[in-house]
Amino acid sequence: MVCGGFTCSKNALCSLNVVYILVGLLLIGVAAWGKEFGIVSSIHIIGGVIAVGFFLLLIAIVGLIGAIHHHQVMLFFYMIILFLVFLVQFGVSCSCLAMNQDQQEKLLNSTWSLMSNNTKGELEGRLDCCGLLNNTLSQRQFTHDWFSCNAPCKDRKNCYTCGTMMLQHATEALKILGGVGLFFSFTEILGVWLAVRYRNQKDPRANPSAFL
């Protein structure tokens, strides 16, 4: 059977959906890893990445089942939803890559000011840091946070600011999420094309009268 035939299209679509399942799990995993470092709860992009990863995982399972059984209805909805996932994933990935450190600091400052003192204390204790950012824009807030900080590093007189630590991990997470998401978003167009082609092909082993 040549590569443009029914069997080749089926195998290619099944393989592509297995890759989508792995990518969906990777996106969810990296976003969940990023949530352990405080900043991510303040960046809505991370929530968008988790949502994209979940829907990509779900639609990949639907596409895999539809490809195995050559199910016309499932393949149709697979094409539509996969294209919508492509649009969302492309936008979210570009946002991840475009977010610079100044924008991350603004989000951190706005979120830090909304946190209660107990929440700040728990975060400082978990990350072993004191205060958010020691700069001219937040000097007053940092001084207040420093005197109320009870992190172990304060006794050792060797403390990093929590903002520095969170920005480091957030930048890594955003780059990974943006790069992986952007690369695989273009493969989703390939998935839509394969699904359209495979859906319109006739299964040589099926009853000809049953073909739609």
N, C-alpha and C. Protein backbone atom coordinates (compact mmCIF):
# COMPACT_ATOMS: atom_id res chain seq x y z
N MET A 1 0.86 -1.19 0.00
CA MET A 1 0.00 0.00 0.00
C MET A 1 0.89 1.24 0.00
N VAL A 2 0.63 2.15 -0.89
CA VAL A 2 1.42 3.37 -0.97
C VAL A 2 1.08 4.25 0.22
N CYS A 3 1.94 5.27 0.44
CA CYS A 3 1.79 6.10 1.65
C CYS A 3 0.52 6.93 1.61
N GLY A 4 -0.04 7.16 0.44
CA GLY A 4 -1.26 7.94 0.38
C GLY A 4 -2.50 7.10 0.59
N GLY A 5 -2.33 5.82 0.86
CA GLY A 5 -3.45 4.93 1.01
C GLY A 5 -4.10 4.98 2.37
N PHE A 6 -5.12 4.16 2.52
CA PHE A 6 -5.93 4.13 3.74
C PHE A 6 -5.09 3.73 4.95
N THR A 7 -4.33 2.65 4.83
CA THR A 7 -3.57 2.14 5.96
C THR A 7 -2.50 3.13 6.42
N CYS A 8 -1.83 3.75 5.47
CA CYS A 8 -0.79 4.72 5.82
C CYS A 8 -1.40 5.93 6.52
N SER A 9 -2.52 6.42 6.02
CA SER A 9 -3.18 7.57 6.65
C SER A 9 -3.63 7.23 8.06
N LYS A 10 -4.15 6.02 8.23
CA LYS A 10 -4.60 5.58 9.55
C LYS A 10 -3.43 5.52 10.53
N ASN A 11 -2.33 4.90 10.12
CA ASN A 11 -1.16 4.77 10.99
C ASN A 11 -0.56 6.13 11.33
N ALA A 12 -0.51 7.01 10.34
CA ALA A 12 0.05 8.35 10.57
C ALA A 12 -0.80 9.13 11.56
N LEU A 13 -2.12 9.04 11.41
CA LEU A 13 -3.02 9.76 12.31
C LEU A 13 -2.95 9.19 13.72
N CYS A 14 -2.86 7.87 13.85
CA CYS A 14 -2.74 7.25 15.17
C CYS A 14 -1.43 7.67 15.84
N SER A 15 -0.35 7.67 15.08
CA SER A 15 0.95 8.05 15.63
C SER A 15 0.95 9.51 16.08
N LEU A 16 0.34 10.36 15.27
CA LEU A 16 0.29 11.78 15.60
C LEU A 16 -0.50 12.01 16.89
N ASN A 17 -1.57 11.27 17.06
CA ASN A 17 -2.36 11.44 18.28
C ASN A 17 -1.65 10.91 19.52
N VAL A 18 -0.83 9.89 19.36
CA VAL A 18 -0.01 9.43 20.48
C VAL A 18 0.97 10.54 20.89
N VAL A 19 1.53 11.23 19.89
CA VAL A 19 2.43 12.35 20.17
C VAL A 19 1.67 13.46 20.89
N TYR A 20 0.43 13.74 20.46
CA TYR A 20 -0.38 14.78 21.11
C TYR A 20 -0.65 14.43 22.56
N ILE A 21 -0.88 13.16 22.84
CA ILE A 21 -1.10 12.74 24.23
C ILE A 21 0.13 13.04 25.08
N LEU A 22 1.30 12.73 24.55
CA LEU A 22 2.54 13.00 25.27
C LEU A 22 2.76 14.50 25.46
N VAL A 23 2.46 15.28 24.41
CA VAL A 23 2.62 16.74 24.51
C VAL A 23 1.66 17.32 25.54
N GLY A 24 0.41 16.84 25.54
CA GLY A 24 -0.56 17.31 26.52
C GLY A 24 -0.11 17.03 27.94
N LEU A 25 0.41 15.83 28.17
CA LEU A 25 0.93 15.49 29.50
C LEU A 25 2.14 16.34 29.85
N LEU A 26 2.99 16.63 28.86
CA LEU A 26 4.17 17.47 29.10
C LEU A 26 3.77 18.89 29.48
N LEU A 27 2.81 19.47 28.76
CA LEU A 27 2.36 20.82 29.06
C LEU A 27 1.76 20.90 30.46
N ILE A 28 0.94 19.93 30.81
CA ILE A 28 0.32 19.92 32.14
C ILE A 28 1.39 19.74 33.21
N GLY A 29 2.36 18.85 32.94
CA GLY A 29 3.41 18.60 33.92
C GLY A 29 4.30 19.80 34.18
N VAL A 30 4.71 20.48 33.11
CA VAL A 30 5.58 21.65 33.27
C VAL A 30 4.84 22.79 33.97
N ALA A 31 3.56 22.99 33.61
CA ALA A 31 2.77 24.03 34.26
C ALA A 31 2.58 23.73 35.74
N ALA A 32 2.33 22.45 36.07
CA ALA A 32 2.17 22.06 37.47
C ALA A 32 3.48 22.25 38.24
N TRP A 33 4.62 21.94 37.57
CA TRP A 33 5.93 22.19 38.19
C TRP A 33 6.12 23.67 38.47
N GLY A 34 5.69 24.51 37.54
CA GLY A 34 5.83 25.94 37.73
C GLY A 34 4.97 26.47 38.87
N LYS A 35 3.83 25.83 39.13
CA LYS A 35 2.92 26.29 40.18
C LYS A 35 3.53 26.11 41.57
N GLU A 36 4.60 25.34 41.68
CA GLU A 36 5.23 25.13 42.98
C GLU A 36 6.06 26.34 43.41
N PHE A 37 6.21 27.34 42.53
CA PHE A 37 7.11 28.44 42.85
C PHE A 37 6.39 29.78 42.93
N GLY A 38 5.14 29.75 43.34
CA GLY A 38 4.47 30.97 43.74
C GLY A 38 4.02 31.88 42.63
N ILE A 39 4.92 32.26 41.72
CA ILE A 39 4.56 33.23 40.68
C ILE A 39 3.45 32.71 39.80
N VAL A 40 3.42 31.42 39.57
CA VAL A 40 2.51 30.87 38.59
C VAL A 40 1.06 31.06 38.97
N SER A 41 0.76 31.12 40.26
CA SER A 41 -0.62 31.31 40.65
C SER A 41 -1.11 32.70 40.28
N SER A 42 -0.18 33.63 39.99
CA SER A 42 -0.55 34.99 39.64
C SER A 42 -0.54 35.22 38.14
N ILE A 43 -0.07 34.25 37.38
CA ILE A 43 -0.03 34.41 35.93
C ILE A 43 -1.11 33.56 35.29
N HIS A 44 -2.08 34.22 34.68
CA HIS A 44 -3.19 33.48 34.09
C HIS A 44 -2.75 32.63 32.91
N ILE A 45 -1.60 32.95 32.35
CA ILE A 45 -1.09 32.17 31.22
C ILE A 45 -0.90 30.72 31.63
N ILE A 46 -0.43 30.49 32.85
CA ILE A 46 -0.19 29.12 33.31
C ILE A 46 -1.50 28.34 33.32
N GLY A 47 -2.57 28.98 33.78
CA GLY A 47 -3.88 28.32 33.75
C GLY A 47 -4.30 28.01 32.33
N GLY A 48 -3.98 28.92 31.40
CA GLY A 48 -4.30 28.67 30.00
C GLY A 48 -3.52 27.50 29.44
N VAL A 49 -2.26 27.38 29.86
CA VAL A 49 -1.44 26.26 29.39
C VAL A 49 -2.00 24.93 29.89
N ILE A 50 -2.40 24.90 31.16
CA ILE A 50 -2.98 23.67 31.72
C ILE A 50 -4.26 23.31 30.97
N ALA A 51 -5.09 24.32 30.67
CA ALA A 51 -6.34 24.06 29.95
C ALA A 51 -6.06 23.53 28.54
N VAL A 52 -5.08 24.15 27.86
CA VAL A 52 -4.72 23.68 26.52
C VAL A 52 -4.19 22.26 26.57
N GLY A 53 -3.34 21.98 27.55
CA GLY A 53 -2.81 20.62 27.69
C GLY A 53 -3.90 19.59 27.95
N PHE A 54 -4.87 19.96 28.78
CA PHE A 54 -5.97 19.04 29.10
C PHE A 54 -6.83 18.77 27.87
N PHE A 55 -7.20 19.84 27.15
CA PHE A 55 -8.04 19.66 25.97
C PHE A 55 -7.29 18.94 24.85
N LEU A 56 -6.00 19.21 24.73
CA LEU A 56 -5.20 18.51 23.72
C LEU A 56 -5.15 17.02 24.05
N LEU A 57 -4.99 16.70 25.33
CA LEU A 57 -5.00 15.30 25.76
C LEU A 57 -6.34 14.64 25.47
N LEU A 58 -7.41 15.36 25.76
CA LEU A 58 -8.76 14.81 25.55
C LEU A 58 -9.04 14.60 24.07
N ILE A 59 -8.74 15.60 23.25
CA ILE A 59 -9.06 15.48 21.83
C ILE A 59 -8.15 14.47 21.16
N ALA A 60 -6.93 14.29 21.68
CA ALA A 60 -6.03 13.27 21.11
C ALA A 60 -6.58 11.87 21.35
N ILE A 61 -7.18 11.65 22.52
CA ILE A 61 -7.79 10.35 22.80
C ILE A 61 -8.98 10.11 21.88
N VAL A 62 -9.80 11.16 21.68
CA VAL A 62 -10.93 11.04 20.76
C VAL A 62 -10.45 10.76 19.34
N GLY A 63 -9.41 11.48 18.92
CA GLY A 63 -8.86 11.26 17.58
C GLY A 63 -8.27 9.88 17.40
N LEU A 64 -7.62 9.38 18.45
CA LEU A 64 -7.03 8.04 18.38
C LEU A 64 -8.11 6.97 18.22
N ILE A 65 -9.18 7.10 19.00
CA ILE A 65 -10.28 6.14 18.89
C ILE A 65 -10.96 6.25 17.53
N GLY A 66 -11.17 7.51 17.09
CA GLY A 66 -11.79 7.71 15.78
C GLY A 66 -10.96 7.17 14.65
N ALA A 67 -9.63 7.30 14.75
CA ALA A 67 -8.74 6.80 13.70
C ALA A 67 -8.73 5.27 13.67
N ILE A 68 -8.72 4.66 14.84
CA ILE A 68 -8.69 3.19 14.90
C ILE A 68 -9.96 2.59 14.29
N HIS A 69 -11.10 3.20 14.59
CA HIS A 69 -12.38 2.65 14.13
C HIS A 69 -12.91 3.33 12.86
N HIS A 70 -12.16 4.32 12.34
CA HIS A 70 -12.60 5.07 11.16
C HIS A 70 -14.01 5.62 11.37
N HIS A 71 -14.19 6.22 12.56
CA HIS A 71 -15.51 6.71 12.96
C HIS A 71 -15.72 8.12 12.39
N GLN A 72 -16.70 8.25 11.51
CA GLN A 72 -16.89 9.50 10.78
C GLN A 72 -17.23 10.67 11.71
N VAL A 73 -18.14 10.45 12.65
CA VAL A 73 -18.58 11.55 13.52
C VAL A 73 -17.44 12.00 14.44
N MET A 74 -16.74 11.05 15.04
CA MET A 74 -15.64 11.39 15.94
C MET A 74 -14.53 12.12 15.19
N LEU A 75 -14.23 11.70 13.97
CA LEU A 75 -13.21 12.36 13.18
C LEU A 75 -13.63 13.78 12.81
N PHE A 76 -14.92 13.98 12.56
CA PHE A 76 -15.40 15.32 12.22
C PHE A 76 -15.21 16.28 13.39
N PHE A 77 -15.66 15.87 14.59
CA PHE A 77 -15.50 16.74 15.76
C PHE A 77 -14.02 16.88 16.13
N TYR A 78 -13.26 15.85 15.86
CA TYR A 78 -11.82 15.91 16.11
C TYR A 78 -11.18 17.02 15.27
N MET A 79 -11.54 17.10 14.00
CA MET A 79 -10.99 18.13 13.13
C MET A 79 -11.34 19.53 13.62
N ILE A 80 -12.61 19.73 13.98
CA ILE A 80 -13.06 21.05 14.40
C ILE A 80 -12.37 21.48 15.69
N ILE A 81 -12.40 20.59 16.70
CA ILE A 81 -11.85 20.94 18.00
C ILE A 81 -10.34 21.09 17.94
N LEU A 82 -9.67 20.24 17.16
CA LEU A 82 -8.22 20.33 17.05
C LEU A 82 -7.79 21.66 16.44
N PHE A 83 -8.56 22.16 15.47
CA PHE A 83 -8.24 23.46 14.88
C PHE A 83 -8.42 24.58 15.91
N LEU A 84 -9.46 24.48 16.75
CA LEU A 84 -9.67 25.48 17.80
C LEU A 84 -8.55 25.41 18.84
N VAL A 85 -8.12 24.19 19.18
CA VAL A 85 -7.00 24.02 20.11
C VAL A 85 -5.73 24.65 19.53
N PHE A 86 -5.54 24.50 18.22
CA PHE A 86 -4.38 25.11 17.56
C PHE A 86 -4.38 26.63 17.76
N LEU A 87 -5.54 27.26 17.55
CA LEU A 87 -5.62 28.71 17.69
C LEU A 87 -5.30 29.15 19.12
N VAL A 88 -5.88 28.45 20.09
CA VAL A 88 -5.65 28.82 21.49
C VAL A 88 -4.19 28.54 21.88
N GLN A 89 -3.69 27.38 21.49
CA GLN A 89 -2.32 27.02 21.86
C GLN A 89 -1.30 27.94 21.23
N PHE A 90 -1.54 28.36 20.00
CA PHE A 90 -0.63 29.28 19.33
C PHE A 90 -0.60 30.62 20.07
N GLY A 91 -1.78 31.11 20.45
CA GLY A 91 -1.83 32.39 21.16
C GLY A 91 -1.19 32.32 22.54
N VAL A 92 -1.48 31.25 23.29
CA VAL A 92 -0.91 31.11 24.62
C VAL A 92 0.61 30.94 24.55
N SER A 93 1.09 30.16 23.58
CA SER A 93 2.53 29.94 23.44
C SER A 93 3.26 31.24 23.11
N CYS A 94 2.68 32.02 22.23
CA CYS A 94 3.30 33.31 21.89
C CYS A 94 3.32 34.24 23.10
N SER A 95 2.26 34.19 23.92
CA SER A 95 2.21 35.01 25.13
C SER A 95 3.30 34.59 26.11
N CYS A 96 3.52 33.28 26.24
CA CYS A 96 4.57 32.78 27.13
C CYS A 96 5.94 33.28 26.70
N LEU A 97 6.21 33.23 25.40
CA LEU A 97 7.52 33.63 24.89
C LEU A 97 7.69 35.15 24.90
N ALA A 98 6.58 35.87 24.79
CA ALA A 98 6.67 37.33 24.70
C ALA A 98 6.74 38.01 26.06
N MET A 99 6.40 37.31 27.13
CA MET A 99 6.40 37.93 28.46
C MET A 99 7.83 38.15 28.94
N ASN A 100 8.21 39.41 29.11
CA ASN A 100 9.56 39.72 29.56
C ASN A 100 9.60 39.87 31.09
N GLN A 101 10.79 40.13 31.61
CA GLN A 101 10.96 40.17 33.07
C GLN A 101 10.22 41.34 33.69
N ASP A 102 10.15 42.48 33.01
CA ASP A 102 9.42 43.62 33.56
C ASP A 102 7.94 43.31 33.74
N GLN A 103 7.36 42.63 32.77
CA GLN A 103 5.95 42.25 32.89
C GLN A 103 5.74 41.25 34.01
N GLN A 104 6.69 40.32 34.16
CA GLN A 104 6.58 39.35 35.25
C GLN A 104 6.70 40.05 36.61
N GLU A 105 7.59 41.04 36.71
CA GLU A 105 7.73 41.77 37.97
C GLU A 105 6.47 42.56 38.31
N LYS A 106 5.83 43.15 37.32
CA LYS A 106 4.59 43.87 37.56
C LYS A 106 3.50 42.94 38.07
N LEU A 107 3.42 41.76 37.47
CA LEU A 107 2.44 40.78 37.93
C LEU A 107 2.75 40.31 39.35
N LEU A 108 4.04 40.12 39.64
CA LEU A 108 4.44 39.72 40.98
C LEU A 108 4.08 40.78 42.01
N ASN A 109 4.38 42.05 41.70
CA ASN A 109 4.10 43.13 42.63
C ASN A 109 2.60 43.27 42.91
N SER A 110 1.81 43.17 41.85
CA SER A 110 0.37 43.31 42.03
C SER A 110 -0.21 42.16 42.84
N THR A 111 0.32 40.96 42.64
CA THR A 111 -0.17 39.79 43.38
C THR A 111 0.33 39.81 44.82
N TRP A 112 1.58 40.20 45.02
CA TRP A 112 2.16 40.23 46.36
C TRP A 112 1.39 41.19 47.27
N SER A 113 0.97 42.31 46.70
CA SER A 113 0.24 43.31 47.50
C SER A 113 -1.14 42.81 47.92
N LEU A 114 -1.67 41.82 47.20
CA LEU A 114 -2.98 41.27 47.54
C LEU A 114 -2.89 40.11 48.52
N MET A 115 -1.68 39.58 48.74
CA MET A 115 -1.51 38.45 49.65
C MET A 115 -1.63 38.89 51.10
N SER A 116 -2.17 38.01 51.94
CA SER A 116 -2.20 38.26 53.37
C SER A 116 -0.81 38.03 53.96
N ASN A 117 -0.59 38.54 55.16
CA ASN A 117 0.72 38.35 55.80
C ASN A 117 1.00 36.87 56.07
N ASN A 118 -0.05 36.11 56.38
CA ASN A 118 0.14 34.67 56.62
C ASN A 118 0.59 33.96 55.35
N THR A 119 -0.03 34.32 54.23
CA THR A 119 0.35 33.71 52.95
C THR A 119 1.78 34.05 52.58
N LYS A 120 2.15 35.31 52.79
CA LYS A 120 3.53 35.72 52.51
C LYS A 120 4.50 34.95 53.39
N GLY A 121 4.16 34.80 54.66
CA GLY A 121 5.04 34.07 55.58
C GLY A 121 5.21 32.62 55.18
N GLU A 122 4.11 31.98 54.75
CA GLU A 122 4.20 30.59 54.32
C GLU A 122 5.08 30.45 53.07
N LEU A 123 4.94 31.40 52.15
CA LEU A 123 5.73 31.36 50.93
C LEU A 123 7.21 31.59 51.23
N GLU A 124 7.50 32.54 52.11
CA GLU A 124 8.89 32.82 52.48
C GLU A 124 9.52 31.62 53.18
N GLY A 125 8.73 30.94 54.02
CA GLY A 125 9.26 29.77 54.70
C GLY A 125 9.50 28.61 53.75
N ARG A 126 8.62 28.45 52.77
CA ARG A 126 8.77 27.33 51.83
C ARG A 126 9.93 27.54 50.88
N LEU A 127 10.11 28.78 50.41
CA LEU A 127 11.20 29.07 49.47
C LEU A 127 12.48 29.50 50.16
N ASP A 128 12.41 29.70 51.49
CA ASP A 128 13.56 30.15 52.27
C ASP A 128 14.10 31.47 51.71
N CYS A 129 13.23 32.48 51.72
CA CYS A 129 13.58 33.80 51.18
C CYS A 129 12.84 34.86 51.99
N CYS A 130 13.20 36.11 51.77
CA CYS A 130 12.55 37.20 52.48
C CYS A 130 12.22 38.34 51.52
N GLY A 131 10.99 38.85 51.63
CA GLY A 131 10.58 39.96 50.79
C GLY A 131 10.39 39.57 49.34
N LEU A 132 9.88 40.51 48.58
CA LEU A 132 9.63 40.22 47.17
C LEU A 132 10.79 40.67 46.30
N LEU A 133 10.90 41.98 46.10
CA LEU A 133 11.97 42.53 45.26
C LEU A 133 12.57 43.74 45.97
N ASN A 134 13.87 43.77 46.06
CA ASN A 134 14.56 44.87 46.72
C ASN A 134 14.99 45.89 45.68
N ASN A 135 14.05 46.72 45.24
CA ASN A 135 14.36 47.77 44.27
C ASN A 135 13.69 49.07 44.70
N THR A 136 13.94 50.12 43.96
CA THR A 136 13.44 51.44 44.35
C THR A 136 11.92 51.52 44.30
N LEU A 137 11.29 50.75 43.44
CA LEU A 137 9.85 50.82 43.30
C LEU A 137 9.12 50.15 44.46
N SER A 138 9.76 49.21 45.11
CA SER A 138 9.09 48.47 46.19
C SER A 138 9.93 48.46 47.46
N GLN A 139 10.73 49.51 47.66
CA GLN A 139 11.64 49.55 48.81
C GLN A 139 10.87 49.56 50.13
N ARG A 140 9.80 50.35 50.20
CA ARG A 140 9.03 50.44 51.45
C ARG A 140 8.39 49.10 51.79
N GLN A 141 7.82 48.46 50.77
CA GLN A 141 7.20 47.15 50.98
C GLN A 141 8.24 46.11 51.38
N PHE A 142 9.40 46.17 50.75
CA PHE A 142 10.45 45.20 51.06
C PHE A 142 10.95 45.36 52.50
N THR A 143 11.11 46.62 52.94
CA THR A 143 11.56 46.86 54.32
C THR A 143 10.56 46.29 55.32
N HIS A 144 9.27 46.49 55.06
CA HIS A 144 8.24 45.95 55.93
C HIS A 144 8.27 44.43 55.94
N ASP A 145 8.41 43.84 54.77
CA ASP A 145 8.45 42.38 54.68
C ASP A 145 9.69 41.80 55.34
N TRP A 146 10.79 42.52 55.24
CA TRP A 146 12.04 42.00 55.82
C TRP A 146 11.95 41.89 57.34
N PHE A 147 11.37 42.89 57.99
CA PHE A 147 11.26 42.87 59.45
C PHE A 147 10.27 41.80 59.93
N SER A 148 9.28 41.48 59.11
CA SER A 148 8.29 40.49 59.51
C SER A 148 8.63 39.08 59.02
N CYS A 149 9.74 38.95 58.31
CA CYS A 149 10.12 37.65 57.73
C CYS A 149 10.69 36.73 58.82
N ASN A 150 10.26 35.47 58.79
CA ASN A 150 10.75 34.46 59.75
C ASN A 150 11.40 33.28 59.05
N ALA A 151 11.86 33.47 57.83
CA ALA A 151 12.49 32.37 57.08
C ALA A 151 13.82 31.99 57.72
N PRO A 152 14.20 30.72 57.63
CA PRO A 152 15.48 30.28 58.22
C PRO A 152 16.70 31.02 57.68
N CYS A 153 16.64 31.46 56.45
CA CYS A 153 17.80 32.12 55.86
C CYS A 153 18.12 33.44 56.55
N LYS A 154 17.12 34.03 57.21
CA LYS A 154 17.35 35.31 57.89
C LYS A 154 18.31 35.15 59.06
N ASP A 155 18.23 34.03 59.75
CA ASP A 155 19.16 33.78 60.86
C ASP A 155 20.58 33.55 60.34
N ARG A 156 20.67 32.99 59.14
CA ARG A 156 21.99 32.77 58.55
C ARG A 156 22.54 34.02 57.88
N LYS A 157 21.69 35.05 57.78
CA LYS A 157 22.06 36.31 57.14
C LYS A 157 22.51 36.11 55.69
N ASN A 158 21.79 35.22 55.04
CA ASN A 158 22.10 34.91 53.63
C ASN A 158 20.80 34.62 52.89
N CYS A 159 20.02 35.69 52.68
CA CYS A 159 18.69 35.53 52.09
C CYS A 159 18.63 36.12 50.69
N TYR A 160 17.99 35.38 49.81
CA TYR A 160 17.60 35.92 48.52
C TYR A 160 16.18 36.45 48.63
N THR A 161 15.84 37.38 47.75
CA THR A 161 14.45 37.83 47.72
C THR A 161 13.58 36.76 47.04
N CYS A 162 12.34 36.67 47.48
CA CYS A 162 11.43 35.67 46.91
C CYS A 162 11.16 35.96 45.43
N GLY A 163 11.13 37.26 45.09
CA GLY A 163 10.89 37.62 43.70
C GLY A 163 11.97 37.11 42.76
N THR A 164 13.22 37.20 43.21
CA THR A 164 14.33 36.72 42.39
C THR A 164 14.22 35.22 42.14
N MET A 165 13.89 34.47 43.18
CA MET A 165 13.78 33.02 43.05
C MET A 165 12.60 32.63 42.17
N MET A 166 11.47 33.32 42.37
CA MET A 166 10.28 32.98 41.59
C MET A 166 10.44 33.36 40.13
N LEU A 167 11.08 34.50 39.86
CA LEU A 167 11.30 34.92 38.48
C LEU A 167 12.21 33.95 37.74
N GLN A 168 13.20 33.42 38.43
CA GLN A 168 14.11 32.47 37.79
C GLN A 168 13.36 31.23 37.32
N HIS A 169 12.56 30.66 38.19
CA HIS A 169 11.83 29.45 37.84
C HIS A 169 10.69 29.75 36.85
N ALA A 170 10.07 30.91 37.01
CA ALA A 170 8.98 31.26 36.10
C ALA A 170 9.48 31.46 34.68
N THR A 171 10.64 32.10 34.55
CA THR A 171 11.22 32.31 33.21
C THR A 171 11.53 30.98 32.54
N GLU A 172 12.08 30.04 33.30
CA GLU A 172 12.37 28.72 32.75
C GLU A 172 11.08 28.03 32.31
N ALA A 173 10.06 28.09 33.16
CA ALA A 173 8.79 27.42 32.84
C ALA A 173 8.13 28.03 31.61
N LEU A 174 8.15 29.37 31.52
CA LEU A 174 7.51 30.04 30.39
C LEU A 174 8.23 29.73 29.08
N LYS A 175 9.55 29.66 29.12
CA LYS A 175 10.30 29.35 27.90
C LYS A 175 10.01 27.93 27.43
N ILE A 176 9.98 26.99 28.37
CA ILE A 176 9.70 25.60 28.00
C ILE A 176 8.29 25.47 27.45
N LEU A 177 7.33 26.06 28.17
CA LEU A 177 5.93 25.98 27.74
C LEU A 177 5.73 26.65 26.39
N GLY A 178 6.30 27.84 26.22
CA GLY A 178 6.13 28.55 24.97
C GLY A 178 6.77 27.84 23.80
N GLY A 179 7.99 27.35 24.00
CA GLY A 179 8.69 26.66 22.91
C GLY A 179 8.02 25.37 22.50
N VAL A 180 7.69 24.53 23.49
CA VAL A 180 7.03 23.26 23.18
C VAL A 180 5.66 23.49 22.57
N GLY A 181 4.90 24.40 23.18
CA GLY A 181 3.55 24.67 22.67
C GLY A 181 3.55 25.22 21.27
N LEU A 182 4.48 26.14 20.97
CA LEU A 182 4.53 26.74 19.64
C LEU A 182 4.93 25.72 18.59
N PHE A 183 5.94 24.90 18.91
CA PHE A 183 6.39 23.90 17.95
C PHE A 183 5.28 22.92 17.60
N PHE A 184 4.62 22.40 18.60
CA PHE A 184 3.61 21.37 18.36
C PHE A 184 2.27 21.94 17.90
N SER A 185 2.09 23.25 18.03
CA SER A 185 0.84 23.83 17.51
C SER A 185 0.78 23.71 15.99
N PHE A 186 1.95 23.77 15.33
CA PHE A 186 1.95 23.64 13.87
C PHE A 186 1.69 22.20 13.43
N THR A 187 2.04 21.24 14.27
CA THR A 187 1.73 19.85 13.92
C THR A 187 0.23 19.59 13.99
N GLU A 188 -0.50 20.43 14.71
CA GLU A 188 -1.95 20.25 14.80
C GLU A 188 -2.62 20.56 13.46
N ILE A 189 -2.04 21.47 12.69
CA ILE A 189 -2.54 21.70 11.33
C ILE A 189 -2.36 20.44 10.49
N LEU A 190 -1.22 19.78 10.67
CA LEU A 190 -0.99 18.50 10.00
C LEU A 190 -2.03 17.47 10.44
N GLY A 191 -2.37 17.49 11.72
CA GLY A 191 -3.39 16.56 12.22
C GLY A 191 -4.75 16.81 11.60
N VAL A 192 -5.12 18.07 11.44
CA VAL A 192 -6.40 18.40 10.80
C VAL A 192 -6.41 17.92 9.35
N TRP A 193 -5.32 18.16 8.64
CA TRP A 193 -5.24 17.73 7.24
C TRP A 193 -5.30 16.21 7.11
N LEU A 194 -4.59 15.51 7.98
CA LEU A 194 -4.63 14.04 7.95
C LEU A 194 -6.02 13.51 8.26
N ALA A 195 -6.70 14.16 9.22
CA ALA A 195 -8.04 13.71 9.59
C ALA A 195 -9.02 13.90 8.44
N VAL A 196 -8.92 15.05 7.75
CA VAL A 196 -9.79 15.30 6.60
C VAL A 196 -9.54 14.27 5.51
N ARG A 197 -8.28 14.01 5.25
CA ARG A 197 -7.94 13.05 4.19
C ARG A 197 -8.37 11.63 4.56
N TYR A 198 -8.08 11.25 5.80
CA TYR A 198 -8.41 9.90 6.23
C TYR A 198 -9.92 9.67 6.30
N ARG A 199 -10.64 10.71 6.71
CA ARG A 199 -12.10 10.59 6.82
C ARG A 199 -12.76 10.37 5.46
N ASN A 200 -12.17 10.93 4.42
CA ASN A 200 -12.74 10.82 3.08
C ASN A 200 -12.24 9.61 2.31
N GLN A 201 -11.41 8.80 2.95
CA GLN A 201 -10.94 7.59 2.29
C GLN A 201 -11.84 6.40 2.66
N LYS A 202 -11.94 5.48 1.73
CA LYS A 202 -12.79 4.31 1.95
C LYS A 202 -11.97 3.16 2.51
N ASP A 203 -12.51 2.57 3.57
CA ASP A 203 -11.86 1.40 4.17
C ASP A 203 -12.04 0.21 3.24
N PRO A 204 -10.97 -0.34 2.70
CA PRO A 204 -11.10 -1.46 1.74
C PRO A 204 -11.72 -2.72 2.38
N ARG A 205 -11.69 -2.82 3.70
CA ARG A 205 -12.24 -4.01 4.36
C ARG A 205 -13.69 -3.81 4.78
N ALA A 206 -14.20 -2.58 4.64
CA ALA A 206 -15.56 -2.29 5.10
C ALA A 206 -16.57 -2.56 3.99
N ASN A 207 -17.82 -2.60 4.40
CA ASN A 207 -18.92 -2.75 3.46
C ASN A 207 -19.05 -1.46 2.64
N PRO A 208 -18.94 -1.52 1.32
CA PRO A 208 -19.00 -0.29 0.51
C PRO A 208 -20.26 0.51 0.72
N SER A 209 -21.37 -0.14 1.01
CA SER A 209 -22.62 0.58 1.20
C SER A 209 -22.66 1.35 2.50
N ALA A 210 -21.70 1.03 3.42
CA ALA A 210 -21.67 1.71 4.71
C ALA A 210 -20.79 2.96 4.69
N PHE A 211 -20.11 3.20 3.58
CA PHE A 211 -19.23 4.35 3.52
C PHE A 211 -20.03 5.62 3.34
N LEU A 212 -19.69 6.66 4.14
CA LEU A 212 -20.39 7.94 4.08
C LEU A 212 -19.59 8.94 3.25
